Protein backbone atom coordinates (compact mmCIF):
# COMPACT_ATOMS: atom_id res chain seq x y z
CA MET A 1 -45.43 -28.06 -17.42
CA ASN A 2 -45.50 -26.28 -14.03
CA ARG A 3 -43.25 -28.98 -12.62
CA TRP A 4 -40.52 -28.17 -15.18
CA LEU A 5 -40.79 -24.41 -14.49
CA SER A 6 -40.14 -25.02 -10.79
CA LEU A 7 -36.80 -26.67 -11.68
CA ILE A 8 -35.45 -23.58 -13.51
CA PRO A 9 -34.17 -21.82 -10.32
CA LEU A 10 -32.40 -25.01 -9.27
CA ALA A 11 -30.75 -25.28 -12.70
CA VAL A 12 -29.59 -21.64 -12.49
CA VAL A 13 -28.03 -22.23 -9.04
CA VAL A 14 -26.27 -25.38 -10.26
CA ALA A 15 -24.92 -23.52 -13.32
CA LEU A 16 -23.62 -20.63 -11.19
CA ALA A 17 -22.00 -23.06 -8.76
CA ALA A 18 -20.25 -24.82 -11.65
CA LEU A 19 -18.96 -21.48 -13.00
CA PHE A 20 -17.67 -20.44 -9.58
CA ILE A 21 -15.91 -23.78 -9.03
CA GLY A 22 -14.37 -23.63 -12.49
CA TRP A 23 -13.12 -20.08 -11.89
CA SER A 24 -11.68 -20.89 -8.46
CA LEU A 25 -9.79 -23.95 -9.76
CA LYS A 26 -8.01 -21.83 -12.39
CA ARG A 27 -7.24 -18.94 -10.01
CA ASP A 28 -3.77 -18.78 -8.46
CA PRO A 29 -4.22 -17.86 -4.78
CA ALA A 30 -0.59 -16.72 -4.51
CA PHE A 31 -1.00 -14.13 -7.29
CA LYS A 32 -0.71 -10.56 -6.05
CA PRO A 33 -1.19 -7.83 -8.65
CA ASP A 34 1.74 -5.45 -9.01
CA ALA A 35 0.33 -3.30 -11.80
CA LEU A 36 1.75 -0.08 -10.35
CA VAL A 37 5.36 -1.33 -10.24
CA GLY A 38 7.34 0.55 -12.87
CA GLN A 39 4.78 3.38 -12.99
CA PRO A 40 4.87 6.81 -11.35
CA ILE A 41 3.12 6.94 -8.01
CA PRO A 42 -0.28 8.64 -8.38
CA GLU A 43 -0.43 12.35 -7.55
CA THR A 44 -3.43 11.93 -5.25
CA VAL A 45 -3.77 14.96 -2.96
CA LEU A 46 -4.70 14.07 0.63
CA PRO A 47 -4.93 15.96 3.91
CA MET A 48 -2.09 15.46 6.36
CA LEU A 49 -2.80 14.12 9.84
CA THR A 50 -2.38 16.99 12.31
CA GLY A 51 -2.98 15.88 15.87
CA ASP A 52 -6.17 13.88 15.63
CA THR A 53 -7.68 15.75 12.67
CA ALA A 54 -7.22 15.77 8.91
CA GLY A 55 -5.67 18.98 7.63
CA PRO A 56 -5.34 21.88 7.34
CA GLY A 57 -2.29 20.95 5.24
CA PHE A 58 -2.56 18.89 2.04
CA LEU A 59 0.09 16.88 0.25
CA ASP A 60 0.19 14.64 -2.78
CA LEU A 61 1.74 11.18 -2.70
CA LYS A 62 4.33 12.01 -5.35
CA THR A 63 5.90 14.89 -3.42
CA ALA A 64 5.54 13.31 0.04
CA GLY A 65 9.10 12.00 -0.22
CA VAL A 66 10.49 15.46 -1.06
CA GLY A 67 12.68 14.10 -3.83
CA ARG A 68 14.00 11.25 -1.68
CA PRO A 69 13.22 7.56 -1.92
CA MET A 70 10.44 6.47 0.41
CA ILE A 71 8.32 3.59 1.56
CA VAL A 72 4.56 4.24 1.33
CA ASN A 73 2.57 2.11 3.76
CA VAL A 74 -1.22 1.89 3.47
CA PHE A 75 -2.61 1.03 6.90
CA ALA A 76 -5.65 1.45 9.14
CA SER A 77 -6.31 1.51 12.88
CA TRP A 78 -8.93 -1.24 12.50
CA CYS A 79 -6.45 -3.55 10.73
CA ALA A 80 -4.97 -6.27 12.98
CA PRO A 81 -2.11 -7.14 10.56
CA CYS A 82 -1.15 -3.44 10.62
CA GLN A 83 -0.50 -3.75 14.35
CA VAL A 84 1.69 -6.79 13.69
CA GLU A 85 3.84 -5.01 11.08
CA ASN A 86 4.24 -1.77 13.08
CA PRO A 87 7.49 -2.84 14.85
CA THR A 88 9.03 -3.54 11.43
CA LEU A 89 8.09 -0.05 10.24
CA LEU A 90 9.53 1.43 13.46
CA ALA A 91 12.79 -0.42 12.72
CA LEU A 92 12.82 1.06 9.20
CA LYS A 93 12.39 4.53 10.67
CA ALA A 94 15.29 3.85 13.06
CA ARG A 95 17.45 2.89 10.03
CA GLY A 96 16.70 6.29 8.48
CA VAL A 97 14.28 5.06 5.82
CA ALA A 98 11.55 7.61 5.06
CA VAL A 99 8.19 5.91 5.63
CA VAL A 100 5.00 7.73 4.60
CA GLY A 101 1.74 6.40 5.97
CA VAL A 102 -1.64 6.51 4.24
CA ALA A 103 -4.48 5.99 6.74
CA TYR A 104 -6.95 4.08 4.57
CA LYS A 105 -10.69 4.50 5.20
CA ASP A 106 -10.01 5.50 8.78
CA ASP A 107 -11.16 8.21 11.16
CA PRO A 108 -8.27 10.60 11.97
CA ALA A 109 -8.90 10.33 15.73
CA ASP A 110 -8.67 6.52 15.50
CA THR A 111 -5.49 6.83 13.42
CA ARG A 112 -3.90 9.09 16.06
CA LYS A 113 -4.87 6.66 18.84
CA PHE A 114 -3.36 3.76 16.85
CA LEU A 115 -0.08 5.68 16.40
CA ASP A 116 0.00 6.72 20.07
CA ASP A 117 -0.67 3.15 21.25
CA PHE A 118 1.71 1.27 18.92
CA GLY A 119 4.29 3.92 17.97
CA ASP A 120 4.48 6.28 15.02
CA PRO A 121 6.89 5.00 12.35
CA PHE A 122 5.87 7.60 9.77
CA ALA A 123 7.61 10.77 8.61
CA LYS A 124 4.20 11.93 7.40
CA VAL A 125 0.68 10.51 7.64
CA LEU A 126 -1.88 11.25 4.95
CA VAL A 127 -5.58 10.69 5.60
CA ASP A 128 -7.48 8.74 2.94
CA ARG A 129 -10.93 8.70 4.51
CA GLU A 130 -12.84 7.91 1.32
CA GLY A 131 -10.28 5.47 -0.11
CA ARG A 132 -9.31 7.59 -3.15
CA ALA A 133 -5.60 6.90 -2.79
CA GLY A 134 -6.36 3.24 -2.21
CA LEU A 135 -8.14 3.13 -5.57
CA ASP A 136 -5.34 5.05 -7.31
CA LEU A 137 -2.72 2.70 -5.82
CA GLY A 138 -4.73 -0.41 -6.66
CA VAL A 139 -4.90 -1.48 -3.02
CA SER A 140 -6.76 -4.75 -2.54
CA GLY A 141 -6.62 -4.58 1.25
CA VAL A 142 -4.51 -3.27 4.09
CA PRO A 143 -1.67 -3.33 4.78
CA GLU A 144 0.11 -2.79 1.49
CA THR A 145 3.55 -1.27 1.12
CA PHE A 146 5.12 0.43 -1.90
CA ALA A 147 8.78 1.27 -2.49
CA VAL A 148 9.09 4.58 -4.36
CA ASN A 149 12.40 5.84 -5.72
CA ALA A 150 13.57 9.47 -5.64
CA LEU A 151 12.00 10.11 -9.05
CA GLY A 152 8.55 9.11 -7.78
CA LYS A 153 8.45 5.76 -9.54
CA VAL A 154 7.05 2.68 -7.77
CA VAL A 155 9.86 0.12 -7.88
CA ALA A 156 8.45 -2.63 -5.63
CA LYS A 157 5.31 -3.61 -3.75
CA HIS A 158 4.42 -5.87 -0.86
CA SER A 159 0.88 -7.00 -0.02
CA GLY A 160 0.09 -8.03 3.53
CA PRO A 161 1.93 -7.35 6.77
CA LEU A 162 5.59 -6.49 6.33
CA ILE A 163 7.19 -8.82 8.88
CA ASP A 164 9.66 -10.98 6.94
CA GLN A 165 13.18 -9.49 6.84
CA ALA A 166 13.67 -10.70 3.26
CA ASP A 167 10.65 -8.63 2.15
CA VAL A 168 11.92 -5.59 4.07
CA ASP A 169 15.36 -5.92 2.45
CA ARG A 170 13.78 -6.30 -1.01
CA LEU A 171 11.84 -3.05 -0.58
CA VAL A 172 14.78 -1.11 0.87
CA ASP A 173 17.17 -2.40 -1.82
CA ALA A 174 14.68 -1.35 -4.49
CA ILE A 175 14.70 2.30 -3.40
CA GLN A 176 18.47 2.59 -3.14
CA ALA A 177 19.89 4.60 -6.01
CA PRO A 178 22.18 2.57 -8.27
CA PRO A 179 25.80 3.63 -8.12
CA ARG A 180 26.72 6.07 -10.84
CA PRO A 181 30.21 6.39 -12.28
CA LEU A 182 32.07 9.53 -11.38
CA PRO A 183 32.44 12.03 -14.19
CA THR A 184 35.88 11.99 -15.70
CA ALA A 185 37.64 14.84 -17.36
CA THR A 186 38.58 14.27 -20.96
CA ARG A 187 41.85 15.54 -22.32
CA ARG A 188 41.77 17.69 -25.38
């Protein structure tokens, strides 16, 4: 009887391994959740990066674009892919695209050093030390980039470093306002 009881832990490990293998075979590794696309950007209030400290000013993500379309980039100083995508963000800034940075789970002094070392592509930088905005945005890791139209609606998302020109163009095209017909006078 004791011999059979000693096999129970082995049976549990084998069962868990089978469940994990079954789950991983059905999982699509290319799937990237875009649950926020089509939704308003969360109104998470965060301190702004001032020098190498957080605050004293606060701003929410929705009004960070000041009624203009914007790209919201979630990054961190400890993130190697964030360093790789930084030249792309600098090029967006040079094109006149408003880019708002969210420093995710990062110390403000480290964020400032990162921006000084690699260049600051951001119109504004918000400090998300505890990861609240990351949770509200559904961030699964950094970097992640969101295209937000002038009405504050997320219209596109990119997970991972933004280095491919096709991905950059997709995000920029998504925030461009569609052409509207000119009003015409009606004759009475």
